[in-house]
Amino acid sequence: MIPMMLIGAIVVGACLVFGYTSFVVGFVLMLAGVLGLVAFMATPGAVLRPGEREFVEERHYMGKHDDEDYHRYHR
């Protein structure tokens, strides 16, 4: 709800400065969408819990895996 109010405030502010035209409204909405997309893509994949200092990625491997195969191929 708050992001929608912020986008509305940006559009109203741009319309007060540049005039109420469909071009201004569309352009400002497009810029707000691109900015939101960039901010979303820049966020890390995992959220750290309070007290954690680093992110550890979990990896899940499909298929059979045992120590003998690991030592055979990873020397």
C-alpha atoms as a PDB file:
ATOM      1  CA  MET A   1       0.000   0.000   0.000  1.00  0.00           C
ATOM      2  CA  ILE A   2       2.811   2.410   0.849  1.00  0.00           C
ATOM      3  CA  PRO A   3       4.602   1.920  -2.510  1.00  0.00           C
ATOM      4  CA  MET A   4       1.349   2.785  -4.304  1.00  0.00           C
ATOM      5  CA  MET A   5       1.017   5.989  -2.275  1.00  0.00           C
ATOM      6  CA  LEU A   6       4.635   6.883  -3.041  1.00  0.00           C
ATOM      7  CA  ILE A   7       4.100   6.318  -6.765  1.00  0.00           C
ATOM      8  CA  GLY A   8       0.950   8.449  -6.591  1.00  0.00           C
ATOM      9  CA  ALA A   9       2.873  11.220  -4.834  1.00  0.00           C
ATOM     10  CA  ILE A  10       5.580  11.076  -7.494  1.00  0.00           C
ATOM     11  CA  VAL A  11       2.999  11.326 -10.283  1.00  0.00           C
ATOM     12  CA  VAL A  12       1.164  14.217  -8.623  1.00  0.00           C
ATOM     13  CA  GLY A  13       4.436  16.040  -7.985  1.00  0.00           C
ATOM     14  CA  ALA A  14       5.584  15.575 -11.573  1.00  0.00           C
ATOM     15  CA  CYS A  15       2.208  16.762 -12.843  1.00  0.00           C
ATOM     16  CA  LEU A  16       2.404  19.887 -10.662  1.00  0.00           C
ATOM     17  CA  VAL A  17       5.848  20.666 -12.046  1.00  0.00           C
ATOM     18  CA  PHE A  18       5.421  19.674 -15.704  1.00  0.00           C
ATOM     19  CA  GLY A  19       1.651  19.946 -16.190  1.00  0.00           C
ATOM     20  CA  TYR A  20      -1.188  17.445 -16.246  1.00  0.00           C
ATOM     21  CA  THR A  21      -0.733  15.631 -19.539  1.00  0.00           C
ATOM     22  CA  SER A  22      -1.023  11.962 -20.348  1.00  0.00           C
ATOM     23  CA  PHE A  23       2.604  11.992 -21.480  1.00  0.00           C
ATOM     24  CA  VAL A  24       3.845  13.183 -18.090  1.00  0.00           C
ATOM     25  CA  VAL A  25       1.706  10.663 -16.200  1.00  0.00           C
ATOM     26  CA  GLY A  26       2.757   7.763 -18.447  1.00  0.00           C
ATOM     27  CA  PHE A  27       6.414   8.713 -18.438  1.00  0.00           C
ATOM     28  CA  VAL A  28       6.574   9.083 -14.659  1.00  0.00           C
ATOM     29  CA  LEU A  29       4.749   5.772 -14.131  1.00  0.00           C
ATOM     30  CA  MET A  30       7.169   4.093 -16.530  1.00  0.00           C
ATOM     31  CA  LEU A  31      10.177   5.532 -14.669  1.00  0.00           C
ATOM     32  CA  ALA A  32       8.721   4.462 -11.312  1.00  0.00           C
ATOM     33  CA  GLY A  33       8.208   0.938 -12.686  1.00  0.00           C
ATOM     34  CA  VAL A  34      11.764   0.722 -13.990  1.00  0.00           C
ATOM     35  CA  LEU A  35      13.131   2.031 -10.692  1.00  0.00           C
ATOM     36  CA  GLY A  36      11.057  -0.517  -8.775  1.00  0.00           C
ATOM     37  CA  LEU A  37      12.254  -3.327 -11.037  1.00  0.00           C
ATOM     38  CA  VAL A  38      15.891  -2.341 -10.589  1.00  0.00           C
ATOM     39  CA  ALA A  39      15.452  -2.156  -6.813  1.00  0.00           C
ATOM     40  CA  PHE A  40      13.765  -5.567  -6.788  1.00  0.00           C
ATOM     41  CA  MET A  41      16.479  -7.185  -8.886  1.00  0.00           C
ATOM     42  CA  ALA A  42      19.211  -5.680  -6.673  1.00  0.00           C
ATOM     43  CA  THR A  43      17.913  -7.267  -3.481  1.00  0.00           C
ATOM     44  CA  PRO A  44      19.685 -10.420  -2.290  1.00  0.00           C
ATOM     45  CA  GLY A  45      17.956 -13.754  -2.648  1.00  0.00           C
ATOM     46  CA  ALA A  46      17.863 -14.579   1.038  1.00  0.00           C
ATOM     47  CA  VAL A  47      16.940 -12.400   3.948  1.00  0.00           C
ATOM     48  CA  LEU A  48      19.308 -12.506   6.875  1.00  0.00           C
ATOM     49  CA  ARG A  49      17.777 -13.080  10.273  1.00  0.00           C
ATOM     50  CA  PRO A  50      18.681 -10.776  13.154  1.00  0.00           C
ATOM     51  CA  GLY A  51      22.149 -11.662  14.437  1.00  0.00           C
ATOM     52  CA  GLU A  52      23.345 -13.298  11.199  1.00  0.00           C
ATOM     53  CA  ARG A  53      26.315 -11.730   9.506  1.00  0.00           C
ATOM     54  CA  GLU A  54      26.656 -13.537   6.215  1.00  0.00           C
ATOM     55  CA  PHE A  55      24.624 -15.381   3.627  1.00  0.00           C
ATOM     56  CA  VAL A  56      25.305 -19.078   3.045  1.00  0.00           C
ATOM     57  CA  GLU A  57      23.879 -20.467  -0.147  1.00  0.00           C
ATOM     58  CA  GLU A  58      22.287 -23.892   0.064  1.00  0.00           C
ATOM     59  CA  ARG A  59      22.991 -26.197  -2.827  1.00  0.00           C
ATOM     60  CA  HIS A  60      20.913 -29.244  -3.585  1.00  0.00           C
ATOM     61  CA  TYR A  61      22.350 -31.866  -5.906  1.00  0.00           C
ATOM     62  CA  MET A  62      20.193 -34.402  -7.638  1.00  0.00           C
ATOM     63  CA  GLY A  63      21.224 -38.007  -7.918  1.00  0.00           C
ATOM     64  CA  LYS A  64      23.381 -40.324  -5.889  1.00  0.00           C
ATOM     65  CA  HIS A  65      26.314 -38.770  -4.124  1.00  0.00           C
ATOM     66  CA  ASP A  66      28.741 -40.499  -1.818  1.00  0.00           C
ATOM     67  CA  ASP A  67      32.217 -39.722  -0.550  1.00  0.00           C
ATOM     68  CA  GLU A  68      33.891 -42.235  -2.850  1.00  0.00           C
ATOM     69  CA  ASP A  69      32.629 -40.445  -5.987  1.00  0.00           C
ATOM     70  CA  TYR A  70      33.601 -37.098  -4.546  1.00  0.00           C
ATOM     71  CA  HIS A  71      37.209 -38.130  -3.894  1.00  0.00           C
ATOM     72  CA  ARG A  72      37.484 -39.833  -7.280  1.00  0.00           C
ATOM     73  CA  TYR A  73      36.564 -36.700  -9.275  1.00  0.00           C
ATOM     74  CA  HIS A  74      37.695 -33.885  -6.979  1.00  0.00           C
ATOM     75  CA  ARG A  75      41.387 -34.284  -6.272  1.00  0.00           C
END
